[in-house]
Amino acid sequence: MRRAPLLVAIALGLGLATLPAEGDPRDSFRRAIVATDRKDWAAAAAFLRQALREQPEDTGEPIKIYGVRFVPYLPQLYLGLALEGLGDCPGALAAWEESERAGKVQRTAHLRLLREGQERCRAVADTPAPTSAKAAPPAAPPAVSPPPAAAAPRESGGGGAETKPQPIVVPPFRSSAEPPRETPAPTTPTPAPESAPPEALRAAARALWLADYPAVIRLLERWHPPERRSHAIAALLLAAARHGLYLREGERDAALLRAAAAGVRECRRADPRLRPPTRWFSPRFAEFFAATR
């Protein structure tokens, strides 16, 4: 397994085999809530997108998660929370807008989660970038109190209280002290372990699996991993997403096809032996990859 490496690691780490069979949005939503409780934002987003494919709108129907815990079926609301956790505030705001448009969240105590999320993401958008290295780092997001407890589902039709998952706060990078002149700095970097794929790759692979091609592009088009094989995988996923979007839009956007071909060439430059496994990539893309030079 030395060479299947990152793709296999991603596939196993994604938990793709645990995705529920299509047809029961309640099962997908239930798994999404469990992933949200674990703050596994990428898994939560994947399950929520599947739930939305099966039942496209928030209905507010109480869904039993376990025991006596019920959560109203509000996948757009929770998709916004998951995307916020992944650092995608534009996507989160779009999901919350869809949740409001459906008109069900307004009848639940979960409306507070939506409003607080909107405030955080809009504050991020309105915060100017620091102008000097001495600027103070942004404060961590405030703790979000859970919505008030709702009555049992039979009496009110609403879910129990939920605690808003907190966005991931990445600590600022702190460089190590410069070595003294008489001690030369090491010149060979230590390779990063490949057993744990970066979160961006995990999230992008899940989005590709669910045919959410714009999400793959948002996650990876400005991400430049230093590790060579991660770079190859990112280029492969981007190429597959752009090719899929090209096909979905009627094969009319030549710029998308050119970008997909550029991604294939970038993947080959980073790792000439890498090929898209047909188990995880469409036959059309596999043919496109083989034909692109």
C-alpha atoms as a PDB file:
ATOM      1  CA  MET A   1       0.000   0.000   0.000  1.00  0.00           C
ATOM      2  CA  ARG A   2       2.991   2.290  -0.338  1.00  0.00           C
ATOM      3  CA  ARG A   3       1.785   3.745  -3.609  1.00  0.00           C
ATOM      4  CA  ALA A   4      -2.035   3.827  -3.335  1.00  0.00           C
ATOM      5  CA  PRO A   5      -1.242   6.010  -0.456  1.00  0.00           C
ATOM      6  CA  LEU A   6      -2.975   9.340  -0.152  1.00  0.00           C
ATOM      7  CA  LEU A   7      -5.997   8.451  -2.269  1.00  0.00           C
ATOM      8  CA  VAL A   8      -6.553   5.288  -0.249  1.00  0.00           C
ATOM      9  CA  ALA A   9      -5.935   7.150   2.991  1.00  0.00           C
ATOM     10  CA  ILE A  10      -8.438   9.802   1.954  1.00  0.00           C
ATOM     11  CA  ALA A  11     -11.032   7.251   0.910  1.00  0.00           C
ATOM     12  CA  LEU A  12     -10.714   5.367   4.197  1.00  0.00           C
ATOM     13  CA  GLY A  13     -10.543   8.540   6.268  1.00  0.00           C
ATOM     14  CA  LEU A  14     -13.581  10.018   4.548  1.00  0.00           C
ATOM     15  CA  GLY A  15     -15.859   7.329   5.839  1.00  0.00           C
ATOM     16  CA  LEU A  16     -17.411   7.096   2.388  1.00  0.00           C
ATOM     17  CA  ALA A  17     -18.481   3.538   3.090  1.00  0.00           C
ATOM     18  CA  THR A  18     -20.579   4.834   5.982  1.00  0.00           C
ATOM     19  CA  LEU A  19     -22.701   7.134   3.826  1.00  0.00           C
ATOM     20  CA  PRO A  20     -26.298   5.909   4.071  1.00  0.00           C
ATOM     21  CA  ALA A  21     -28.104   4.587   1.041  1.00  0.00           C
ATOM     22  CA  GLU A  22     -30.059   7.288  -0.745  1.00  0.00           C
ATOM     23  CA  GLY A  23     -33.761   7.453  -0.092  1.00  0.00           C
ATOM     24  CA  ASP A  24     -34.045   8.238   3.642  1.00  0.00           C
ATOM     25  CA  PRO A  25     -33.213  11.855   4.448  1.00  0.00           C
ATOM     26  CA  ARG A  26     -33.896  11.238   8.144  1.00  0.00           C
ATOM     27  CA  ASP A  27     -31.034   8.744   8.339  1.00  0.00           C
ATOM     28  CA  SER A  28     -28.657  11.125   6.562  1.00  0.00           C
ATOM     29  CA  PHE A  29     -29.737  13.991   8.826  1.00  0.00           C
ATOM     30  CA  ARG A  30     -29.351  11.840  11.950  1.00  0.00           C
ATOM     31  CA  ARG A  31     -25.761  11.002  10.996  1.00  0.00           C
ATOM     32  CA  ALA A  32     -25.075  14.648  10.224  1.00  0.00           C
ATOM     33  CA  ILE A  33     -26.154  15.680  13.723  1.00  0.00           C
ATOM     34  CA  VAL A  34     -23.895  13.029  15.277  1.00  0.00           C
ATOM     35  CA  ALA A  35     -20.980  14.332  13.156  1.00  0.00           C
ATOM     36  CA  THR A  36     -21.840  17.884  14.241  1.00  0.00           C
ATOM     37  CA  ASP A  37     -21.693  16.821  17.877  1.00  0.00           C
ATOM     38  CA  ARG A  38     -18.153  15.532  17.199  1.00  0.00           C
ATOM     39  CA  LYS A  39     -17.295  18.785  15.379  1.00  0.00           C
ATOM     40  CA  ASP A  40     -16.435  16.736  12.298  1.00  0.00           C
ATOM     41  CA  TRP A  41     -17.544  19.529   9.983  1.00  0.00           C
ATOM     42  CA  ALA A  42     -16.577  17.812   6.732  1.00  0.00           C
ATOM     43  CA  ALA A  43     -18.538  14.652   7.566  1.00  0.00           C
ATOM     44  CA  ALA A  44     -21.502  16.724   8.736  1.00  0.00           C
ATOM     45  CA  ALA A  45     -21.514  18.716   5.481  1.00  0.00           C
ATOM     46  CA  ALA A  46     -21.355  15.505   3.415  1.00  0.00           C
ATOM     47  CA  PHE A  47     -24.296  13.895   5.230  1.00  0.00           C
ATOM     48  CA  LEU A  48     -26.320  17.122   5.095  1.00  0.00           C
ATOM     49  CA  ARG A  49     -25.783  17.469   1.352  1.00  0.00           C
ATOM     50  CA  GLN A  50     -27.008  13.903   0.930  1.00  0.00           C
ATOM     51  CA  ALA A  51     -30.053  14.657   3.080  1.00  0.00           C
ATOM     52  CA  LEU A  52     -30.772  17.673   0.875  1.00  0.00           C
ATOM     53  CA  ARG A  53     -30.561  15.515  -2.243  1.00  0.00           C
ATOM     54  CA  GLU A  54     -33.234  13.280  -0.711  1.00  0.00           C
ATOM     55  CA  GLN A  55     -35.378  16.065   0.814  1.00  0.00           C
ATOM     56  CA  PRO A  56     -34.318  19.444  -0.601  1.00  0.00           C
ATOM     57  CA  GLU A  57     -35.905  21.794   1.935  1.00  0.00           C
ATOM     58  CA  ASP A  58     -36.087  22.303   5.669  1.00  0.00           C
ATOM     59  CA  THR A  59     -39.393  20.844   6.903  1.00  0.00           C
ATOM     60  CA  GLY A  60     -39.045  21.204  10.667  1.00  0.00           C
ATOM     61  CA  GLU A  61     -40.178  17.589  11.173  1.00  0.00           C
ATOM     62  CA  PRO A  62     -38.832  16.219  14.493  1.00  0.00           C
ATOM     63  CA  ILE A  63     -36.138  13.610  13.768  1.00  0.00           C
ATOM     64  CA  LYS A  64     -35.162  11.193  16.510  1.00  0.00           C
ATOM     65  CA  ILE A  65     -31.372  11.235  16.895  1.00  0.00           C
ATOM     66  CA  TYR A  66     -31.162   8.802  19.817  1.00  0.00           C
ATOM     67  CA  GLY A  67     -33.099   8.128  23.011  1.00  0.00           C
ATOM     68  CA  VAL A  68     -35.417  11.023  23.659  1.00  0.00           C
ATOM     69  CA  ARG A  69     -33.362  13.531  21.697  1.00  0.00           C
ATOM     70  CA  PHE A  70     -35.232  15.014  18.737  1.00  0.00           C
ATOM     71  CA  VAL A  71     -33.925  17.643  16.319  1.00  0.00           C
ATOM     72  CA  PRO A  72     -36.139  19.369  13.743  1.00  0.00           C
ATOM     73  CA  TYR A  73     -35.240  18.563  10.136  1.00  0.00           C
ATOM     74  CA  LEU A  74     -33.353  21.769   9.267  1.00  0.00           C
ATOM     75  CA  PRO A  75     -30.516  20.568   7.017  1.00  0.00           C
ATOM     76  CA  GLN A  76     -29.883  24.001   5.502  1.00  0.00           C
ATOM     77  CA  LEU A  77     -29.400  25.475   8.963  1.00  0.00           C
ATOM     78  CA  TYR A  78     -26.951  22.762   9.993  1.00  0.00           C
ATOM     79  CA  LEU A  79     -25.175  22.860   6.625  1.00  0.00           C
ATOM     80  CA  GLY A  80     -24.486  26.526   7.320  1.00  0.00           C
ATOM     81  CA  LEU A  81     -23.009  25.630  10.717  1.00  0.00           C
ATOM     82  CA  ALA A  82     -20.815  22.923   9.131  1.00  0.00           C
ATOM     83  CA  LEU A  83     -19.584  25.261   6.394  1.00  0.00           C
ATOM     84  CA  GLU A  84     -18.810  27.920   8.983  1.00  0.00           C
ATOM     85  CA  GLY A  85     -16.771  25.326  10.860  1.00  0.00           C
ATOM     86  CA  LEU A  86     -14.878  24.614   7.621  1.00  0.00           C
ATOM     87  CA  GLY A  87     -14.132  28.323   7.199  1.00  0.00           C
ATOM     88  CA  ASP A  88     -16.562  28.817   4.281  1.00  0.00           C
ATOM     89  CA  CYS A  89     -18.629  31.776   5.493  1.00  0.00           C
ATOM     90  CA  PRO A  90     -20.019  32.687   2.023  1.00  0.00           C
ATOM     91  CA  GLY A  91     -21.349  29.143   1.673  1.00  0.00           C
ATOM     92  CA  ALA A  92     -22.689  29.243   5.232  1.00  0.00           C
ATOM     93  CA  LEU A  93     -24.577  32.498   4.617  1.00  0.00           C
ATOM     94  CA  ALA A  94     -26.091  31.059   1.426  1.00  0.00           C
ATOM     95  CA  ALA A  95     -27.289  27.953   3.306  1.00  0.00           C
ATOM     96  CA  TRP A  96     -28.833  30.062   6.060  1.00  0.00           C
ATOM     97  CA  GLU A  97     -30.602  32.198   3.471  1.00  0.00           C
ATOM     98  CA  GLU A  98     -32.144  29.029   2.011  1.00  0.00           C
ATOM     99  CA  SER A  99     -33.188  27.920   5.491  1.00  0.00           C
ATOM    100  CA  GLU A 100     -34.943  31.238   6.093  1.00  0.00           C
ATOM    101  CA  ARG A 101     -36.603  31.063   2.694  1.00  0.00           C
ATOM    102  CA  ALA A 102     -38.155  27.679   3.582  1.00  0.00           C
ATOM    103  CA  GLY A 103     -39.789  29.392   6.576  1.00  0.00           C
ATOM    104  CA  LYS A 104     -39.561  26.489   9.039  1.00  0.00           C
ATOM    105  CA  VAL A 105     -36.599  27.556  11.172  1.00  0.00           C
ATOM    106  CA  GLN A 106     -38.523  30.656  12.275  1.00  0.00           C
ATOM    107  CA  ARG A 107     -40.941  28.379  14.141  1.00  0.00           C
ATOM    108  CA  THR A 108     -38.219  26.738  16.226  1.00  0.00           C
ATOM    109  CA  ALA A 109     -35.791  27.738  18.966  1.00  0.00           C
ATOM    110  CA  HIS A 110     -33.014  27.023  16.457  1.00  0.00           C
ATOM    111  CA  LEU A 111     -33.581  30.421  14.838  1.00  0.00           C
ATOM    112  CA  ARG A 112     -31.125  31.765  17.409  1.00  0.00           C
ATOM    113  CA  LEU A 113     -28.381  29.527  15.999  1.00  0.00           C
ATOM    114  CA  LEU A 114     -29.015  30.904  12.513  1.00  0.00           C
ATOM    115  CA  ARG A 115     -28.971  34.541  13.654  1.00  0.00           C
ATOM    116  CA  GLU A 116     -25.804  34.130  15.722  1.00  0.00           C
ATOM    117  CA  GLY A 117     -24.066  32.364  12.826  1.00  0.00           C
ATOM    118  CA  GLN A 118     -25.042  35.145  10.429  1.00  0.00           C
ATOM    119  CA  GLU A 119     -23.656  37.754  12.810  1.00  0.00           C
ATOM    120  CA  ARG A 120     -20.335  35.924  13.149  1.00  0.00           C
ATOM    121  CA  CYS A 121     -19.873  35.421   9.411  1.00  0.00           C
ATOM    122  CA  ARG A 122     -20.862  39.001   8.578  1.00  0.00           C
ATOM    123  CA  ALA A 123     -18.466  40.260  11.241  1.00  0.00           C
ATOM    124  CA  VAL A 124     -15.682  38.232   9.614  1.00  0.00           C
ATOM    125  CA  ALA A 125     -16.535  39.760   6.226  1.00  0.00           C
ATOM    126  CA  ASP A 126     -16.528  43.296   7.703  1.00  0.00           C
ATOM    127  CA  THR A 127     -13.263  42.909   9.652  1.00  0.00           C
ATOM    128  CA  PRO A 128     -10.376  44.681   7.836  1.00  0.00           C
ATOM    129  CA  ALA A 129      -7.154  42.759   7.388  1.00  0.00           C
ATOM    130  CA  PRO A 130      -4.346  43.710   9.854  1.00  0.00           C
ATOM    131  CA  THR A 131      -1.982  46.339   8.452  1.00  0.00           C
ATOM    132  CA  SER A 132       1.132  45.424  10.425  1.00  0.00           C
ATOM    133  CA  ALA A 133       2.749  42.432  12.035  1.00  0.00           C
ATOM    134  CA  LYS A 134       2.063  43.973  15.450  1.00  0.00           C
ATOM    135  CA  ALA A 135      -1.684  43.990  14.968  1.00  0.00           C
ATOM    136  CA  ALA A 136      -3.493  42.015  17.614  1.00  0.00           C
ATOM    137  CA  PRO A 137      -4.952  38.685  16.470  1.00  0.00           C
ATOM    138  CA  PRO A 138      -8.758  38.529  16.165  1.00  0.00           C
ATOM    139  CA  ALA A 139     -10.620  37.421  19.239  1.00  0.00           C
ATOM    140  CA  ALA A 140     -12.016  33.917  19.340  1.00  0.00           C
ATOM    141  CA  PRO A 141     -15.741  33.624  18.507  1.00  0.00           C
ATOM    142  CA  PRO A 142     -17.946  34.075  21.577  1.00  0.00           C
ATOM    143  CA  ALA A 143     -19.473  31.007  23.136  1.00  0.00           C
ATOM    144  CA  VAL A 144     -22.921  30.311  21.746  1.00  0.00           C
ATOM    145  CA  SER A 145     -25.570  29.457  24.262  1.00  0.00           C
ATOM    146  CA  PRO A 146     -27.922  26.622  23.279  1.00  0.00           C
ATOM    147  CA  PRO A 147     -31.473  27.470  22.239  1.00  0.00           C
ATOM    148  CA  PRO A 148     -34.100  27.143  24.946  1.00  0.00           C
ATOM    149  CA  ALA A 149     -35.363  23.611  25.534  1.00  0.00           C
ATOM    150  CA  ALA A 150     -38.407  22.747  23.478  1.00  0.00           C
ATOM    151  CA  ALA A 151     -41.320  20.608  24.572  1.00  0.00           C
ATOM    152  CA  ALA A 152     -41.506  16.936  23.671  1.00  0.00           C
ATOM    153  CA  PRO A 153     -42.141  16.405  19.950  1.00  0.00           C
ATOM    154  CA  ARG A 154     -45.679  15.132  20.409  1.00  0.00           C
ATOM    155  CA  GLU A 155     -46.675  18.303  22.215  1.00  0.00           C
ATOM    156  CA  SER A 156     -44.865  20.985  20.243  1.00  0.00           C
ATOM    157  CA  GLY A 157     -43.594  19.405  17.016  1.00  0.00           C
ATOM    158  CA  GLY A 158     -40.140  20.882  17.684  1.00  0.00           C
ATOM    159  CA  GLY A 159     -36.805  19.409  18.622  1.00  0.00           C
ATOM    160  CA  GLY A 160     -34.861  19.479  21.821  1.00  0.00           C
ATOM    161  CA  ALA A 161     -32.286  22.078  22.665  1.00  0.00           C
ATOM    162  CA  GLU A 162     -29.148  22.079  20.539  1.00  0.00           C
ATOM    163  CA  THR A 163     -25.738  23.479  21.305  1.00  0.00           C
ATOM    164  CA  LYS A 164     -24.178  25.489  18.476  1.00  0.00           C
ATOM    165  CA  PRO A 165     -20.920  23.827  17.361  1.00  0.00           C
ATOM    166  CA  GLN A 166     -18.047  26.251  17.619  1.00  0.00           C
ATOM    167  CA  PRO A 167     -16.042  27.273  14.557  1.00  0.00           C
ATOM    168  CA  ILE A 168     -12.522  25.933  14.437  1.00  0.00           C
ATOM    169  CA  VAL A 169     -10.063  28.523  15.757  1.00  0.00           C
ATOM    170  CA  VAL A 170      -6.600  27.953  14.311  1.00  0.00           C
ATOM    171  CA  PRO A 171      -3.825  29.332  16.540  1.00  0.00           C
ATOM    172  CA  PRO A 172      -1.465  31.793  14.823  1.00  0.00           C
ATOM    173  CA  PHE A 173       1.716  30.332  13.384  1.00  0.00           C
ATOM    174  CA  ARG A 174       4.759  31.029  15.552  1.00  0.00           C
ATOM    175  CA  SER A 175       8.145  30.525  13.956  1.00  0.00           C
ATOM    176  CA  SER A 176      10.944  28.962  15.927  1.00  0.00           C
ATOM    177  CA  ALA A 177      13.893  31.050  17.052  1.00  0.00           C
ATOM    178  CA  GLU A 178      16.631  31.538  14.457  1.00  0.00           C
ATOM    179  CA  PRO A 179      19.618  29.275  15.212  1.00  0.00           C
ATOM    180  CA  PRO A 180      22.912  30.911  16.145  1.00  0.00           C
ATOM    181  CA  ARG A 181      25.362  31.549  13.349  1.00  0.00           C
ATOM    182  CA  GLU A 182      27.760  28.861  14.461  1.00  0.00           C
ATOM    183  CA  THR A 183      24.965  26.254  14.252  1.00  0.00           C
ATOM    184  CA  PRO A 184      23.832  25.835  10.617  1.00  0.00           C
ATOM    185  CA  ALA A 185      20.105  25.440  10.126  1.00  0.00           C
ATOM    186  CA  PRO A 186      18.943  22.083   8.779  1.00  0.00           C
ATOM    187  CA  THR A 187      18.359  22.166   5.033  1.00  0.00           C
ATOM    188  CA  THR A 188      16.249  19.024   4.569  1.00  0.00           C
ATOM    189  CA  PRO A 189      12.623  19.476   5.668  1.00  0.00           C
ATOM    190  CA  THR A 190      10.949  16.647   7.485  1.00  0.00           C
ATOM    191  CA  PRO A 191       8.244  15.153   5.242  1.00  0.00           C
ATOM    192  CA  ALA A 192       4.721  15.408   6.566  1.00  0.00           C
ATOM    193  CA  PRO A 193       3.063  12.106   7.456  1.00  0.00           C
ATOM    194  CA  GLU A 194       0.690  10.836   4.757  1.00  0.00           C
ATOM    195  CA  SER A 195      -1.467   8.715   7.016  1.00  0.00           C
ATOM    196  CA  ALA A 196      -3.697  11.682   7.908  1.00  0.00           C
ATOM    197  CA  PRO A 197      -4.828  13.631   4.816  1.00  0.00           C
ATOM    198  CA  PRO A 198      -5.245  17.394   5.339  1.00  0.00           C
ATOM    199  CA  GLU A 199      -8.772  18.464   6.250  1.00  0.00           C
ATOM    200  CA  ALA A 200      -9.090  20.461   3.012  1.00  0.00           C
ATOM    201  CA  LEU A 201      -8.538  17.287   0.977  1.00  0.00           C
ATOM    202  CA  ARG A 202     -10.963  15.291   3.113  1.00  0.00           C
ATOM    203  CA  ALA A 203     -13.676  17.935   2.749  1.00  0.00           C
ATOM    204  CA  ALA A 204     -13.077  18.340  -1.001  1.00  0.00           C
ATOM    205  CA  ALA A 205     -13.188  14.574  -1.610  1.00  0.00           C
ATOM    206  CA  ARG A 206     -16.515  14.319   0.244  1.00  0.00           C
ATOM    207  CA  ALA A 207     -17.914  17.205  -1.790  1.00  0.00           C
ATOM    208  CA  LEU A 208     -16.763  15.556  -5.031  1.00  0.00           C
ATOM    209  CA  TRP A 209     -18.376  12.279  -3.948  1.00  0.00           C
ATOM    210  CA  LEU A 210     -21.667  14.155  -3.543  1.00  0.00           C
ATOM    211  CA  ALA A 211     -21.201  15.993  -6.870  1.00  0.00           C
ATOM    212  CA  ASP A 212     -20.943  19.376  -5.127  1.00  0.00           C
ATOM    213  CA  TYR A 213     -18.397  20.634  -7.644  1.00  0.00           C
ATOM    214  CA  PRO A 214     -18.502  24.354  -6.685  1.00  0.00           C
ATOM    215  CA  ALA A 215     -17.606  23.397  -3.087  1.00  0.00           C
ATOM    216  CA  VAL A 216     -14.543  21.466  -4.305  1.00  0.00           C
ATOM    217  CA  ILE A 217     -13.397  24.497  -6.272  1.00  0.00           C
ATOM    218  CA  ARG A 218     -13.982  26.858  -3.335  1.00  0.00           C
ATOM    219  CA  LEU A 219     -12.007  24.607  -0.994  1.00  0.00           C
ATOM    220  CA  LEU A 220      -8.996  23.926  -3.210  1.00  0.00           C
ATOM    221  CA  GLU A 221      -8.450  26.567  -5.886  1.00  0.00           C
ATOM    222  CA  ARG A 222      -6.449  28.820  -3.525  1.00  0.00           C
ATOM    223  CA  TRP A 223      -4.977  26.045  -1.385  1.00  0.00           C
ATOM    224  CA  HIS A 224      -1.349  25.239  -2.194  1.00  0.00           C
ATOM    225  CA  PRO A 225      -0.085  22.340  -0.062  1.00  0.00           C
ATOM    226  CA  PRO A 226       3.706  22.210   0.211  1.00  0.00           C
ATOM    227  CA  GLU A 227       3.808  18.407   0.243  1.00  0.00           C
ATOM    228  CA  ARG A 228       4.151  17.070  -3.311  1.00  0.00           C
ATOM    229  CA  ARG A 229       1.653  14.245  -3.170  1.00  0.00           C
ATOM    230  CA  SER A 230      -0.992  16.331  -1.410  1.00  0.00           C
ATOM    231  CA  HIS A 231      -0.511  18.860  -4.216  1.00  0.00           C
ATOM    232  CA  ALA A 232      -1.094  16.112  -6.795  1.00  0.00           C
ATOM    233  CA  ILE A 233      -4.288  14.934  -5.076  1.00  0.00           C
ATOM    234  CA  ALA A 234      -5.599  18.506  -4.813  1.00  0.00           C
ATOM    235  CA  ALA A 235      -4.962  19.054  -8.541  1.00  0.00           C
ATOM    236  CA  LEU A 236      -6.727  15.774  -9.358  1.00  0.00           C
ATOM    237  CA  LEU A 237      -9.807  16.651  -7.287  1.00  0.00           C
ATOM    238  CA  LEU A 238      -9.961  20.146  -8.794  1.00  0.00           C
ATOM    239  CA  ALA A 239      -9.691  18.751 -12.320  1.00  0.00           C
ATOM    240  CA  ALA A 240     -12.475  16.237 -11.626  1.00  0.00           C
ATOM    241  CA  ALA A 241     -14.728  18.951 -10.154  1.00  0.00           C
ATOM    242  CA  ARG A 242     -14.229  21.297 -13.104  1.00  0.00           C
ATOM    243  CA  HIS A 243     -14.784  18.483 -15.589  1.00  0.00           C
ATOM    244  CA  GLY A 244     -17.952  17.436 -13.752  1.00  0.00           C
ATOM    245  CA  LEU A 245     -19.224  21.024 -13.745  1.00  0.00           C
ATOM    246  CA  TYR A 246     -18.450  21.285 -17.470  1.00  0.00           C
ATOM    247  CA  LEU A 247     -20.573  18.191 -18.165  1.00  0.00           C
ATOM    248  CA  ARG A 248     -23.384  19.300 -15.844  1.00  0.00           C
ATOM    249  CA  GLU A 249     -23.650  22.692 -17.565  1.00  0.00           C
ATOM    250  CA  GLY A 250     -24.127  21.129 -20.994  1.00  0.00           C
ATOM    251  CA  GLU A 251     -20.498  21.040 -22.179  1.00  0.00           C
ATOM    252  CA  ARG A 252     -20.688  24.673 -23.279  1.00  0.00           C
ATOM    253  CA  ASP A 253     -18.089  26.361 -21.054  1.00  0.00           C
ATOM    254  CA  ALA A 254     -14.760  25.877 -22.816  1.00  0.00           C
ATOM    255  CA  ALA A 255     -12.942  27.724 -20.015  1.00  0.00           C
ATOM    256  CA  LEU A 256     -14.008  25.032 -17.524  1.00  0.00           C
ATOM    257  CA  LEU A 257     -12.713  22.304 -19.815  1.00  0.00           C
ATOM    258  CA  ARG A 258      -9.378  24.102 -20.234  1.00  0.00           C
ATOM    259  CA  ALA A 259      -9.101  24.516 -16.466  1.00  0.00           C
ATOM    260  CA  ALA A 260      -9.833  20.807 -15.982  1.00  0.00           C
ATOM    261  CA  ALA A 261      -7.109  19.904 -18.497  1.00  0.00           C
ATOM    262  CA  ALA A 262      -4.667  22.241 -16.734  1.00  0.00           C
ATOM    263  CA  GLY A 263      -5.469  20.467 -13.464  1.00  0.00           C
ATOM    264  CA  VAL A 264      -4.721  17.070 -15.019  1.00  0.00           C
ATOM    265  CA  ARG A 265      -1.350  18.335 -16.271  1.00  0.00           C
ATOM    266  CA  GLU A 266      -0.572  19.841 -12.860  1.00  0.00           C
ATOM    267  CA  CYS A 267      -1.412  16.514 -11.224  1.00  0.00           C
ATOM    268  CA  ARG A 268       0.941  14.676 -13.592  1.00  0.00           C
ATOM    269  CA  ARG A 269       3.747  17.143 -12.932  1.00  0.00           C
ATOM    270  CA  ALA A 270       3.401  16.666  -9.179  1.00  0.00           C
ATOM    271  CA  ASP A 271       3.080  12.859  -9.356  1.00  0.00           C
ATOM    272  CA  PRO A 272       3.473  11.228 -12.805  1.00  0.00           C
ATOM    273  CA  ARG A 273       2.261   7.847 -11.525  1.00  0.00           C
ATOM    274  CA  LEU A 274      -1.017   9.043 -10.035  1.00  0.00           C
ATOM    275  CA  ARG A 275      -4.203   7.920 -11.826  1.00  0.00           C
ATOM    276  CA  PRO A 276      -7.892   8.471 -10.905  1.00  0.00           C
ATOM    277  CA  PRO A 277      -9.296   5.169  -9.557  1.00  0.00           C
ATOM    278  CA  THR A 278     -12.508   4.319 -11.428  1.00  0.00           C
ATOM    279  CA  ARG A 279     -14.035   3.244  -8.124  1.00  0.00           C
ATOM    280  CA  TRP A 280     -14.171   6.879  -6.994  1.00  0.00           C
ATOM    281  CA  PHE A 281     -14.073   8.846 -10.272  1.00  0.00           C
ATOM    282  CA  SER A 282     -16.508   8.788 -13.179  1.00  0.00           C
ATOM    283  CA  PRO A 283     -15.599   6.874 -16.362  1.00  0.00           C
ATOM    284  CA  ARG A 284     -15.911  10.111 -18.370  1.00  0.00           C
ATOM    285  CA  PHE A 285     -13.317  11.798 -16.207  1.00  0.00           C
ATOM    286  CA  ALA A 286     -11.025   8.768 -16.286  1.00  0.00           C
ATOM    287  CA  GLU A 287     -11.134   8.894 -20.112  1.00  0.00           C
ATOM    288  CA  PHE A 288     -10.536  12.651 -20.072  1.00  0.00           C
ATOM    289  CA  PHE A 289      -7.574  12.224 -17.727  1.00  0.00           C
ATOM    290  CA  ALA A 290      -6.005   9.542 -19.944  1.00  0.00           C
ATOM    291  CA  ALA A 291      -6.489  11.604 -23.105  1.00  0.00           C
ATOM    292  CA  THR A 292      -5.136  14.892 -21.730  1.00  0.00           C
ATOM    293  CA  ARG A 293      -1.494  15.646 -22.490  1.00  0.00           C
END
